[in-house]
């Protein structure tokens, strides 16, 4: 009888100690907490990572007939490009020069644009070899000549400079068809077409 009572007493003591340990564990878990959150961006309320990194250059807008409309702008950011009227280009004969002014701008909200200009073949078109080789180009930026009386291939990645957001420039492209030196050589150009595309390229620059 005594042995049984002592055994039960020991069990009660062990259970009591276990209960105290469990209560101690619960008390330890109920500690103070705190936290801090930071919204990554430029410091303004609606900012995040990105947003002002939109990069966009534009050229002068054109009407349905390809005539430049000063004060309007367009993207023209397709491989096919947008038509622009160079007055007299379709009627050019040996000894003639035709030209067009092309305003452009950096429309990006924050990034600057390092601009370059090239003349390239129009996609999907094949130029007449003789007239393409005979034409000569003069390209001026805001009245200052960049290249004078050169072939199409020489108008390649001309440096137009860096333009801050909203900054504009005007490129003048003049196209000359020199006299070929003989009546036969001049007449050989009749009916030939050169399909040329003006290409403005821009690379973003952090201000």
Protein backbone atom coordinates (compact mmCIF):
# COMPACT_ATOMS: atom_id res chain seq x y z
CA UNK A 1 0.00 0.00 0.00
CA UNK A 2 2.73 2.51 0.93
CA UNK A 3 4.68 1.81 -2.23
CA UNK A 4 1.67 2.56 -4.44
CA UNK A 5 0.97 5.86 -2.70
CA UNK A 6 4.56 7.02 -3.10
CA UNK A 7 4.54 6.15 -6.79
CA UNK A 8 1.41 8.15 -7.36
CA UNK A 9 2.87 11.06 -5.42
CA UNK A 10 5.92 11.10 -7.67
CA UNK A 11 3.72 11.17 -10.77
CA UNK A 12 1.80 14.15 -9.43
CA UNK A 13 5.03 15.99 -8.75
CA UNK A 14 6.36 15.34 -12.25
CA UNK A 15 3.09 16.52 -13.80
CA UNK A 16 3.22 19.70 -11.71
CA UNK A 17 6.76 20.45 -12.88
CA UNK A 18 5.71 19.86 -16.52
CA UNK A 19 2.85 22.29 -16.13
CA UNK A 20 5.17 24.97 -14.75
CA UNK A 21 7.60 24.48 -17.65
CA UNK A 22 4.77 24.83 -20.22
CA UNK A 23 3.56 28.04 -18.57
CA UNK A 24 7.12 29.37 -18.62
CA UNK A 25 7.38 28.63 -22.36
CA UNK A 26 4.15 30.52 -23.05
CA UNK A 27 5.35 33.48 -21.03
CA UNK A 28 8.65 33.62 -22.97
CA UNK A 29 6.87 33.62 -26.38
CA UNK A 30 4.83 36.74 -25.51
CA UNK A 31 7.67 39.27 -26.16
CA UNK A 32 7.71 42.77 -27.66
CA UNK A 33 7.81 43.07 -31.50
CA UNK A 34 8.47 45.87 -33.95
CA UNK A 35 9.05 46.28 -37.71
CA UNK A 36 10.07 48.80 -40.41
CA UNK A 37 8.96 49.00 -44.08
CA UNK A 38 10.63 51.13 -46.78
CA UNK A 39 9.02 51.67 -50.21
CA UNK A 40 11.78 51.59 -52.81
CA UNK A 41 11.65 54.39 -55.38
CA UNK A 42 12.68 58.02 -55.82
CA UNK A 43 11.28 59.12 -52.47
CA UNK A 44 7.88 60.35 -53.65
CA UNK A 45 4.62 58.74 -52.62
CA UNK A 46 3.70 57.06 -55.93
CA UNK A 47 7.18 56.07 -57.07
CA UNK A 48 8.61 52.60 -57.48
CA UNK A 49 11.48 50.98 -59.32
CA UNK A 50 11.05 52.29 -62.88
CA UNK A 51 8.38 54.65 -64.18
CA UNK A 52 10.53 57.60 -65.20
CA UNK A 53 12.69 55.28 -67.29
CA UNK A 54 10.37 55.65 -70.31
CA UNK A 55 12.56 56.59 -73.28
CA UNK A 56 11.03 58.14 -76.39
CA UNK A 57 12.20 60.21 -79.34
CA UNK A 58 9.86 61.79 -81.87
CA UNK A 59 10.00 63.45 -85.28
CA UNK A 60 7.79 66.09 -86.85
CA UNK A 61 4.22 65.04 -87.54
CA UNK A 62 3.03 64.64 -91.13
CA UNK A 63 -0.38 64.94 -92.77
CA UNK A 64 -2.08 62.43 -95.06
CA UNK A 65 0.08 63.62 -97.97
CA UNK A 66 3.34 63.32 -96.04
CA UNK A 67 3.72 67.08 -95.57
CA UNK A 68 5.45 68.06 -92.30
CA UNK A 69 3.12 69.80 -89.86
CA UNK A 70 5.26 72.08 -87.64
CA UNK A 71 4.41 71.90 -83.95
CA UNK A 72 3.10 68.33 -84.15
CA UNK A 73 5.01 65.18 -83.33
CA UNK A 74 4.87 61.48 -84.11
CA UNK A 75 6.67 58.28 -83.15
CA UNK A 76 7.41 56.79 -86.61
CA UNK A 77 8.89 53.81 -84.74
CA UNK A 78 8.16 51.03 -87.21
CA UNK A 79 10.50 49.35 -89.67
CA UNK A 80 8.28 50.55 -92.52
CA UNK A 81 8.56 54.15 -91.34
CA UNK A 82 6.25 57.08 -92.12
CA UNK A 83 6.18 58.97 -95.41
CA UNK A 84 7.54 62.52 -95.52
CA UNK A 85 7.25 64.77 -98.54
CA UNK A 86 10.50 66.12 -99.97
CA UNK A 87 9.18 68.71 -102.47
CA UNK A 88 10.38 67.93 -105.99
CA UNK A 89 11.98 64.59 -105.05
CA UNK A 90 9.92 62.64 -107.56
CA UNK A 91 10.76 65.09 -110.38
CA UNK A 92 14.50 65.36 -109.71
CA UNK A 93 16.67 65.57 -112.83
CA UNK A 94 20.44 65.97 -113.27
CA UNK A 95 21.52 69.32 -111.84
CA UNK A 96 18.65 69.54 -109.31
CA UNK A 97 18.77 69.72 -105.51
CA UNK A 98 15.76 69.12 -103.25
CA UNK A 99 15.56 69.32 -99.47
CA UNK A 100 13.37 68.91 -96.40
CA UNK A 101 13.59 70.10 -92.78
CA UNK A 102 12.92 67.44 -90.14
CA UNK A 103 12.41 68.64 -86.55
CA UNK A 104 12.98 66.03 -83.84
CA UNK A 105 12.84 65.98 -80.05
CA UNK A 106 13.49 63.98 -76.90
CA UNK A 107 10.05 63.33 -75.43
CA UNK A 108 11.34 61.25 -72.49
CA UNK A 109 10.09 62.46 -69.06
CA UNK A 110 13.50 62.32 -67.35
CA UNK A 111 16.19 60.63 -69.45
CA UNK A 112 18.41 62.50 -71.90
CA UNK A 113 18.90 61.17 -75.45
CA UNK A 114 22.17 60.70 -77.31
CA UNK A 115 20.98 61.11 -80.91
CA UNK A 116 22.40 59.84 -84.20
CA UNK A 117 21.20 60.01 -87.81
CA UNK A 118 21.63 57.67 -90.76
CA UNK A 119 20.29 57.13 -94.25
CA UNK A 120 19.38 53.53 -95.02
CA UNK A 121 17.58 51.50 -97.67
CA UNK A 122 13.82 51.42 -97.32
CA UNK A 123 12.72 47.91 -96.25
CA UNK A 124 11.02 45.85 -98.93
CA UNK A 125 12.08 48.15 -101.81
CA UNK A 126 14.85 47.85 -104.39
CA UNK A 127 16.48 51.04 -105.65
CA UNK A 128 17.74 51.64 -109.16
CA UNK A 129 21.48 51.08 -108.91
CA UNK A 130 22.56 53.98 -111.11
CA UNK A 131 20.47 56.69 -109.46
CA UNK A 132 21.24 55.39 -105.95
CA UNK A 133 24.96 55.68 -106.70
CA UNK A 134 24.58 59.10 -108.35
CA UNK A 135 22.66 60.90 -105.58
CA UNK A 136 24.59 63.08 -103.16
CA UNK A 137 23.44 64.17 -99.70
CA UNK A 138 24.11 67.16 -97.48
CA UNK A 139 22.92 66.96 -93.86
CA UNK A 140 22.80 70.02 -91.59
CA UNK A 141 21.88 70.25 -87.91
CA UNK A 142 20.39 73.55 -86.81
CA UNK A 143 22.10 75.24 -89.75
CA UNK A 144 25.52 73.62 -89.33
CA UNK A 145 26.61 71.09 -91.96
CA UNK A 146 27.48 67.63 -90.67
CA UNK A 147 28.31 66.12 -94.08
CA UNK A 148 28.34 67.74 -97.52
CA UNK A 149 27.81 66.20 -100.95
CA UNK A 150 28.33 62.58 -99.87
CA UNK A 151 26.86 59.24 -100.86
CA UNK A 152 24.06 57.57 -98.94
CA UNK A 153 26.50 55.13 -97.35
CA UNK A 154 28.49 58.05 -95.88
CA UNK A 155 25.46 59.26 -93.91
CA UNK A 156 25.89 56.71 -91.17
CA UNK A 157 25.37 57.34 -87.45
CA UNK A 158 26.05 61.06 -87.65
CA UNK A 159 26.41 62.44 -84.13
CA UNK A 160 23.57 64.87 -83.37
CA UNK A 161 24.55 65.35 -79.72
CA UNK A 162 22.79 64.78 -76.41
CA UNK A 163 19.32 66.23 -75.85
CA UNK A 164 17.81 66.76 -72.43
CA UNK A 165 14.16 65.94 -71.87
CA UNK A 166 12.00 68.19 -74.06
CA UNK A 167 14.94 69.46 -76.12
CA UNK A 168 14.49 69.76 -79.90
CA UNK A 169 16.63 70.06 -83.01
CA UNK A 170 16.08 70.44 -86.75
CA UNK A 171 17.84 68.35 -89.33
CA UNK A 172 17.92 69.50 -92.96
CA UNK A 173 18.47 66.81 -95.56
CA UNK A 174 19.38 68.02 -99.06
CA UNK A 175 19.45 65.60 -102.01
CA UNK A 176 21.34 66.51 -105.16
CA UNK A 177 21.47 64.69 -108.50
CA UNK A 178 24.65 65.96 -110.18
CA UNK A 179 25.04 66.21 -113.92
CA UNK A 180 26.56 62.90 -115.00
CA UNK A 181 28.77 64.48 -117.63
CA UNK A 182 27.05 63.31 -120.78
CA UNK A 183 23.61 63.22 -122.31
CA UNK A 184 23.68 59.43 -122.42
CA UNK A 185 24.65 59.12 -118.75
CA UNK A 186 21.96 61.59 -117.71
CA UNK A 187 19.30 59.85 -119.79
CA UNK A 188 20.21 56.50 -118.23
CA UNK A 189 18.72 57.76 -114.96
CA UNK A 190 15.25 58.31 -116.41
CA UNK A 191 12.52 56.44 -114.55
CA UNK A 192 14.88 55.11 -111.87
CA UNK A 193 13.93 55.43 -108.19
CA UNK A 194 16.08 55.42 -105.07
CA UNK A 195 14.20 54.28 -101.95
CA UNK A 196 15.86 55.96 -98.98
CA UNK A 197 14.81 56.03 -95.34
CA UNK A 198 15.94 58.62 -92.79
CA UNK A 199 16.75 56.91 -89.51
CA UNK A 200 16.94 58.71 -86.14
CA UNK A 201 18.48 56.61 -83.40
CA UNK A 202 18.53 57.50 -79.71
CA UNK A 203 20.34 56.03 -76.71
CA UNK A 204 19.21 56.93 -73.23
CA UNK A 205 21.55 58.93 -70.99
CA UNK A 206 20.97 59.50 -67.28
CA UNK A 207 20.90 63.27 -66.63
